C-alpha atoms as a PDB file:
ATOM      1  CA  MET A   1      18.826 -31.538  20.407  1.00  0.00           C
ATOM      2  CA  ILE A   2      19.349 -34.610  22.473  1.00  0.00           C
ATOM      3  CA  ARG A   3      22.383 -36.572  22.527  1.00  0.00           C
ATOM      4  CA  LEU A   4      22.016 -39.976  20.259  1.00  0.00           C
ATOM      5  CA  GLU A   5      24.050 -43.016  20.932  1.00  0.00           C
ATOM      6  CA  PRO A   6      24.700 -45.487  18.174  1.00  0.00           C
ATOM      7  CA  PRO A   7      22.790 -47.252  16.692  1.00  0.00           C
ATOM      8  CA  LEU A   8      20.780 -44.085  16.913  1.00  0.00           C
ATOM      9  CA  ARG A   9      21.445 -41.178  14.649  1.00  0.00           C
ATOM     10  CA  LEU A  10      20.172 -38.214  12.811  1.00  0.00           C
ATOM     11  CA  ALA A  11      19.172 -39.317   9.199  1.00  0.00           C
ATOM     12  CA  GLY A  12      21.314 -37.883   6.507  1.00  0.00           C
ATOM     13  CA  GLU A  13      20.987 -37.329   2.674  1.00  0.00           C
ATOM     14  CA  ALA A  14      22.375 -40.854   1.891  1.00  0.00           C
ATOM     15  CA  ASP A  15      19.368 -42.320   3.712  1.00  0.00           C
ATOM     16  CA  ALA A  16      16.629 -40.958   1.455  1.00  0.00           C
ATOM     17  CA  ARG A  17      15.666 -44.104  -0.276  1.00  0.00           C
ATOM     18  CA  ALA A  18      15.657 -46.034   2.680  1.00  0.00           C
ATOM     19  CA  LEU A  19      13.424 -43.323   4.387  1.00  0.00           C
ATOM     20  CA  ALA A  20      10.851 -43.269   1.486  1.00  0.00           C
ATOM     21  CA  ASP A  21      10.527 -47.096   1.896  1.00  0.00           C
ATOM     22  CA  LEU A  22      10.197 -46.938   5.555  1.00  0.00           C
ATOM     23  CA  VAL A  23       7.403 -44.109   5.179  1.00  0.00           C
ATOM     24  CA  ASN A  24       5.657 -46.009   2.589  1.00  0.00           C
ATOM     25  CA  PHE A  25       5.601 -49.267   5.163  1.00  0.00           C
ATOM     26  CA  ALA A  26       4.330 -47.125   7.972  1.00  0.00           C
ATOM     27  CA  GLY A  27       1.670 -45.391   5.692  1.00  0.00           C
ATOM     28  CA  GLU A  28       0.646 -48.588   4.216  1.00  0.00           C
ATOM     29  CA  GLY A  29       0.685 -47.422   0.776  1.00  0.00           C
ATOM     30  CA  LEU A  30      -0.855 -43.970   1.201  1.00  0.00           C
ATOM     31  CA  PRO A  31       2.485 -42.393   0.725  1.00  0.00           C
ATOM     32  CA  LEU A  32       3.142 -43.914  -2.514  1.00  0.00           C
ATOM     33  CA  TYR A  33      -0.569 -43.122  -3.728  1.00  0.00           C
ATOM     34  CA  ILE A  34       0.040 -39.388  -2.732  1.00  0.00           C
ATOM     35  CA  TRP A  35       3.491 -39.498  -4.720  1.00  0.00           C
ATOM     36  CA  GLU A  36       1.958 -40.966  -7.644  1.00  0.00           C
ATOM     37  CA  GLY A  37      -0.687 -38.203  -7.735  1.00  0.00           C
ATOM     38  CA  LEU A  38       1.835 -35.573  -7.732  1.00  0.00           C
ATOM     39  CA  ALA A  39       4.300 -37.217 -10.288  1.00  0.00           C
ATOM     40  CA  LYS A  40       4.599 -35.592 -13.664  1.00  0.00           C
ATOM     41  CA  GLU A  41       4.246 -37.710 -16.785  1.00  0.00           C
ATOM     42  CA  GLY A  42       7.520 -39.816 -16.711  1.00  0.00           C
ATOM     43  CA  GLN A  43       8.376 -39.222 -13.399  1.00  0.00           C
ATOM     44  CA  ASP A  44       9.333 -41.766 -10.763  1.00  0.00           C
ATOM     45  CA  PRO A  45       6.574 -41.326  -7.906  1.00  0.00           C
ATOM     46  CA  TRP A  46       9.573 -42.535  -5.556  1.00  0.00           C
ATOM     47  CA  GLU A  47      11.766 -39.721  -6.814  1.00  0.00           C
ATOM     48  CA  ILE A  48       9.122 -37.290  -5.162  1.00  0.00           C
ATOM     49  CA  GLY A  49       9.034 -39.510  -2.198  1.00  0.00           C
ATOM     50  CA  ARG A  50      12.899 -39.263  -1.607  1.00  0.00           C
ATOM     51  CA  SER A  51      12.813 -35.587  -2.259  1.00  0.00           C
ATOM     52  CA  ARG A  52      10.257 -35.214   0.441  1.00  0.00           C
ATOM     53  CA  GLN A  53      11.942 -37.107   2.869  1.00  0.00           C
ATOM     54  CA  LEU A  54      15.336 -35.263   2.204  1.00  0.00           C
ATOM     55  CA  GLN A  55      13.467 -31.911   3.219  1.00  0.00           C
ATOM     56  CA  LYS A  56      12.562 -33.740   6.468  1.00  0.00           C
ATOM     57  CA  VAL A  57      16.519 -34.487   6.919  1.00  0.00           C
ATOM     58  CA  ARG A  58      17.550 -31.099   6.333  1.00  0.00           C
ATOM     59  CA  GLU A  59      15.380 -29.993   8.980  1.00  0.00           C
ATOM     60  CA  ASP A  60      16.609 -32.529  11.628  1.00  0.00           C
ATOM     61  CA  GLN A  61      13.179 -34.131  12.008  1.00  0.00           C
ATOM     62  CA  ILE A  62      14.200 -37.775  11.314  1.00  0.00           C
ATOM     63  CA  VAL A  63      16.290 -40.167  13.884  1.00  0.00           C
ATOM     64  CA  VAL A  64      17.304 -43.676  12.410  1.00  0.00           C
ATOM     65  CA  VAL A  65      18.423 -46.793  13.614  1.00  0.00           C
ATOM     66  CA  ASP A  66      21.595 -47.975  11.695  1.00  0.00           C
ATOM     67  CA  PHE A  67      23.721 -50.885  12.735  1.00  0.00           C
ATOM     68  CA  GLY A  68      26.308 -49.975  10.167  1.00  0.00           C
ATOM     69  CA  ASP A  69      24.427 -50.932   6.835  1.00  0.00           C
ATOM     70  CA  GLY A  70      22.121 -47.904   6.618  1.00  0.00           C
ATOM     71  CA  ALA A  71      18.967 -47.016   8.117  1.00  0.00           C
ATOM     72  CA  VAL A  72      16.583 -50.040   9.136  1.00  0.00           C
ATOM     73  CA  ALA A  73      14.200 -47.945  11.214  1.00  0.00           C
ATOM     74  CA  SER A  74      13.161 -44.398  11.544  1.00  0.00           C
ATOM     75  CA  LEU A  75      11.366 -41.864  13.556  1.00  0.00           C
ATOM     76  CA  THR A  76       9.926 -38.674  12.334  1.00  0.00           C
ATOM     77  CA  GLY A  77       7.967 -36.130  14.265  1.00  0.00           C
ATOM     78  CA  TYR A  78       7.670 -32.485  15.269  1.00  0.00           C
ATOM     79  CA  PRO A  79       6.218 -30.349  17.819  1.00  0.00           C
ATOM     80  CA  ILE A  80       2.382 -29.190  17.080  1.00  0.00           C
ATOM     81  CA  GLY A  81       1.971 -25.498  18.297  1.00  0.00           C
ATOM     82  CA  SER A  82      -0.785 -24.014  20.286  1.00  0.00           C
ATOM     83  CA  GLU A  83      -3.216 -22.824  17.495  1.00  0.00           C
ATOM     84  CA  PRO A  84      -5.096 -25.093  15.048  1.00  0.00           C
ATOM     85  CA  GLU A  85      -4.100 -25.057  11.303  1.00  0.00           C
ATOM     86  CA  PRO A  86      -6.723 -23.635   9.362  1.00  0.00           C
ATOM     87  CA  ILE A  87      -8.932 -26.291   6.998  1.00  0.00           C
ATOM     88  CA  ALA A  88     -10.038 -24.161   4.082  1.00  0.00           C
ATOM     89  CA  ASP A  89     -12.984 -25.448   1.932  1.00  0.00           C
ATOM     90  CA  ASP A  90     -10.512 -26.459  -0.729  1.00  0.00           C
ATOM     91  CA  PHE A  91      -8.178 -28.451   1.827  1.00  0.00           C
ATOM     92  CA  PRO A  92      -7.695 -32.107   0.213  1.00  0.00           C
ATOM     93  CA  ALA A  93     -10.640 -34.327   1.367  1.00  0.00           C
ATOM     94  CA  LEU A  94      -8.173 -37.036   1.935  1.00  0.00           C
ATOM     95  CA  PHE A  95      -6.011 -35.241   4.615  1.00  0.00           C
ATOM     96  CA  ARG A  96      -8.824 -33.395   6.177  1.00  0.00           C
ATOM     97  CA  PRO A  97      -9.526 -35.853   9.045  1.00  0.00           C
ATOM     98  CA  LEU A  98      -5.875 -36.436   9.489  1.00  0.00           C
ATOM     99  CA  GLN A  99      -5.406 -32.567   9.853  1.00  0.00           C
ATOM    100  CA  GLU A 100      -8.673 -32.413  12.160  1.00  0.00           C
ATOM    101  CA  LEU A 101      -7.292 -34.944  14.513  1.00  0.00           C
ATOM    102  CA  GLU A 102      -3.923 -33.114  14.532  1.00  0.00           C
ATOM    103  CA  ASN A 103      -5.760 -29.945  15.510  1.00  0.00           C
ATOM    104  CA  LYS A 104      -6.697 -31.797  18.499  1.00  0.00           C
ATOM    105  CA  ALA A 105      -3.320 -32.490  19.619  1.00  0.00           C
ATOM    106  CA  LEU A 106      -2.074 -29.006  20.207  1.00  0.00           C
ATOM    107  CA  GLU A 107       1.090 -28.613  22.269  1.00  0.00           C
ATOM    108  CA  SER A 108       2.134 -32.153  21.862  1.00  0.00           C
ATOM    109  CA  TRP A 109       5.163 -33.583  20.206  1.00  0.00           C
ATOM    110  CA  TYR A 110       3.799 -35.494  17.161  1.00  0.00           C
ATOM    111  CA  VAL A 111       4.919 -39.091  15.970  1.00  0.00           C
ATOM    112  CA  ASN A 112       4.382 -38.435  12.118  1.00  0.00           C
ATOM    113  CA  VAL A 113       6.201 -41.788  11.122  1.00  0.00           C
ATOM    114  CA  LEU A 114       7.554 -44.727  13.204  1.00  0.00           C
ATOM    115  CA  ALA A 115       8.787 -47.263  10.711  1.00  0.00           C
ATOM    116  CA  CYS A 116      11.023 -50.404  10.502  1.00  0.00           C
ATOM    117  CA  TYR A 117      11.938 -52.823   7.832  1.00  0.00           C
ATOM    118  CA  PRO A 118       9.845 -55.948   8.155  1.00  0.00           C
ATOM    119  CA  GLU A 119      12.801 -58.271   8.874  1.00  0.00           C
ATOM    120  CA  TYR A 120      13.836 -56.045  11.655  1.00  0.00           C
ATOM    121  CA  ARG A 121      10.501 -56.102  13.589  1.00  0.00           C
ATOM    122  CA  GLY A 122      10.251 -57.577  16.974  1.00  0.00           C
ATOM    123  CA  GLN A 123      13.714 -56.573  18.029  1.00  0.00           C
ATOM    124  CA  GLY A 124      12.487 -53.441  20.268  1.00  0.00           C
ATOM    125  CA  LEU A 125      13.441 -50.759  17.805  1.00  0.00           C
ATOM    126  CA  GLY A 126       9.925 -49.341  17.850  1.00  0.00           C
ATOM    127  CA  SER A 127       9.814 -48.982  21.474  1.00  0.00           C
ATOM    128  CA  ARG A 128      13.559 -47.587  21.307  1.00  0.00           C
ATOM    129  CA  LEU A 129      12.430 -44.829  19.036  1.00  0.00           C
ATOM    130  CA  LEU A 130       9.586 -44.077  20.955  1.00  0.00           C
ATOM    131  CA  ASP A 131      11.588 -43.378  24.091  1.00  0.00           C
ATOM    132  CA  VAL A 132      13.727 -41.077  21.865  1.00  0.00           C
ATOM    133  CA  ALA A 133      10.342 -39.183  20.750  1.00  0.00           C
ATOM    134  CA  GLU A 134       9.551 -38.722  24.443  1.00  0.00           C
ATOM    135  CA  ARG A 135      13.010 -37.310  25.126  1.00  0.00           C
ATOM    136  CA  LEU A 136      12.696 -35.061  22.336  1.00  0.00           C
ATOM    137  CA  ALA A 137       9.198 -33.712  23.568  1.00  0.00           C
ATOM    138  CA  GLN A 138      10.794 -33.086  27.008  1.00  0.00           C
ATOM    139  CA  ASP A 139      13.685 -31.221  25.254  1.00  0.00           C
ATOM    140  CA  GLU A 140      10.885 -29.147  23.940  1.00  0.00           C
ATOM    141  CA  SER A 141       9.300 -28.632  27.314  1.00  0.00           C
ATOM    142  CA  LEU A 142       6.218 -30.601  25.776  1.00  0.00           C
ATOM    143  CA  ARG A 143       3.780 -32.267  28.049  1.00  0.00           C
ATOM    144  CA  ARG A 144       1.947 -34.460  25.661  1.00  0.00           C
ATOM    145  CA  MET A 145       2.743 -36.989  22.890  1.00  0.00           C
ATOM    146  CA  SER A 146       0.374 -37.736  19.908  1.00  0.00           C
ATOM    147  CA  VAL A 147       0.298 -40.131  16.952  1.00  0.00           C
ATOM    148  CA  ILE A 148      -2.511 -40.938  14.483  1.00  0.00           C
ATOM    149  CA  VAL A 149      -3.129 -44.780  13.526  1.00  0.00           C
ATOM    150  CA  ALA A 150      -5.161 -46.345  11.024  1.00  0.00           C
ATOM    151  CA  SER A 151      -8.060 -48.408  12.849  1.00  0.00           C
ATOM    152  CA  ASN A 152      -6.930 -51.608  11.184  1.00  0.00           C
ATOM    153  CA  ASN A 153      -3.181 -51.362  12.088  1.00  0.00           C
ATOM    154  CA  THR A 154      -3.507 -53.422  15.392  1.00  0.00           C
ATOM    155  CA  GLY A 155       0.118 -53.951  15.750  1.00  0.00           C
ATOM    156  CA  ALA A 156       1.140 -50.267  15.807  1.00  0.00           C
ATOM    157  CA  ARG A 157      -1.838 -49.613  18.056  1.00  0.00           C
ATOM    158  CA  ARG A 158      -0.895 -52.208  20.597  1.00  0.00           C
ATOM    159  CA  LEU A 159       2.689 -50.829  20.500  1.00  0.00           C
ATOM    160  CA  TYR A 160       1.371 -47.358  21.386  1.00  0.00           C
ATOM    161  CA  GLU A 161      -0.930 -48.530  23.949  1.00  0.00           C
ATOM    162  CA  ARG A 162       1.962 -50.484  25.909  1.00  0.00           C
ATOM    163  CA  HIS A 163       3.850 -47.190  25.911  1.00  0.00           C
ATOM    164  CA  GLY A 164       0.785 -45.540  27.681  1.00  0.00           C
ATOM    165  CA  TYR A 165      -1.097 -43.841  24.801  1.00  0.00           C
ATOM    166  CA  GLN A 166      -4.834 -43.716  24.944  1.00  0.00           C
ATOM    167  CA  GLU A 167      -7.407 -43.058  22.401  1.00  0.00           C
ATOM    168  CA  ALA A 168      -8.419 -39.304  22.276  1.00  0.00           C
ATOM    169  CA  ALA A 169     -10.627 -39.002  19.006  1.00  0.00           C
ATOM    170  CA  THR A 170     -11.433 -41.169  15.859  1.00  0.00           C
ATOM    171  CA  LEU A 171     -12.662 -39.859  12.382  1.00  0.00           C
ATOM    172  CA  PRO A 172     -13.570 -41.642   9.433  1.00  0.00           C
ATOM    173  CA  CYS A 173     -10.995 -42.333   6.620  1.00  0.00           C
ATOM    174  CA  VAL A 174     -11.703 -40.674   3.220  1.00  0.00           C
ATOM    175  CA  LYS A 175     -10.190 -42.925   0.585  1.00  0.00           C
ATOM    176  CA  GLU A 176     -10.640 -41.133  -2.572  1.00  0.00           C
ATOM    177  CA  GLY A 177      -9.332 -43.947  -4.725  1.00  0.00           C
ATOM    178  CA  TRP A 178      -6.723 -45.130  -2.255  1.00  0.00           C
ATOM    179  CA  GLU A 179      -7.438 -48.986  -1.995  1.00  0.00           C
ATOM    180  CA  THR A 180      -7.269 -49.533   1.992  1.00  0.00           C
ATOM    181  CA  ASP A 181      -9.209 -51.599   4.495  1.00  0.00           C
ATOM    182  CA  THR A 182      -8.517 -48.691   6.789  1.00  0.00           C
ATOM    183  CA  GLU A 183     -12.201 -47.208   7.842  1.00  0.00           C
ATOM    184  CA  HIS A 184     -11.026 -45.019  10.696  1.00  0.00           C
ATOM    185  CA  TRP A 185      -8.146 -42.604  11.813  1.00  0.00           C
ATOM    186  CA  VAL A 186      -7.605 -42.846  15.615  1.00  0.00           C
ATOM    187  CA  LEU A 187      -5.808 -40.151  17.620  1.00  0.00           C
ATOM    188  CA  LEU A 188      -3.758 -41.708  20.487  1.00  0.00           C
ATOM    189  CA  MET A 189      -2.330 -39.347  23.161  1.00  0.00           C
ATOM    190  CA  LYS A 190      -0.028 -39.605  26.065  1.00  0.00           C
ATOM    191  CA  SER A 191       0.913 -37.230  29.022  1.00  0.00           C
ATOM    192  CA  LEU A 192       4.487 -36.866  30.169  1.00  0.00           C
ATOM    193  CA  ARG A 193       5.952 -36.353  33.246  1.00  0.00           C
ATOM    194  CA  PRO A 194       8.384 -33.482  33.617  1.00  0.00           C
ATOM    195  CA  ALA A 195      11.698 -34.004  32.813  1.00  0.00           C
ATOM    196  CA  ASN A 196      13.112 -33.625  36.098  1.00  0.00           C
ATOM    197  CA  ASP A 197      10.432 -35.813  37.447  1.00  0.00           C
ATOM    198  CA  CYS A 198      11.965 -38.750  35.552  1.00  0.00           C
END
């Protein structure tokens, strides 16, 4: 694991509420829609979201920005292996295009979530976290970065393109009741230089 200097740190269990918020911001409401579908009668869907974030916290998958009052931005990601994930006939249609795109990004470090509270945007936190993502990728000896963005999320796409990401593939969004303006999912990728070349 790379060394993180303040205000960067690994997420902890106390960050669960903020992480669920941040994931839902980044996913433009899709995470909450999924959690609502998973919630049993009387169960708070946000509870499911917080629980899912805690699983990633325990696997050291999340880095946060914290100026002293808790997480205000977060990065979640992981290495994609060398073999594509199988997509069976019963694979949920909502997730099928996302998994198909992820399967095109083998042997890359995948930026699963990059999020910031609205009031902290415009301070370079997204760029700072993307730099961390690249260091994590190089620490894993990976030579490529990948991310999937919604076609209508022009702000996120501009951020990634400024950092050298380029469109690699696109697939139609399957909505299944999710109310969104998203028409397509776009896979963006970036090649990295070996760490000793930097």
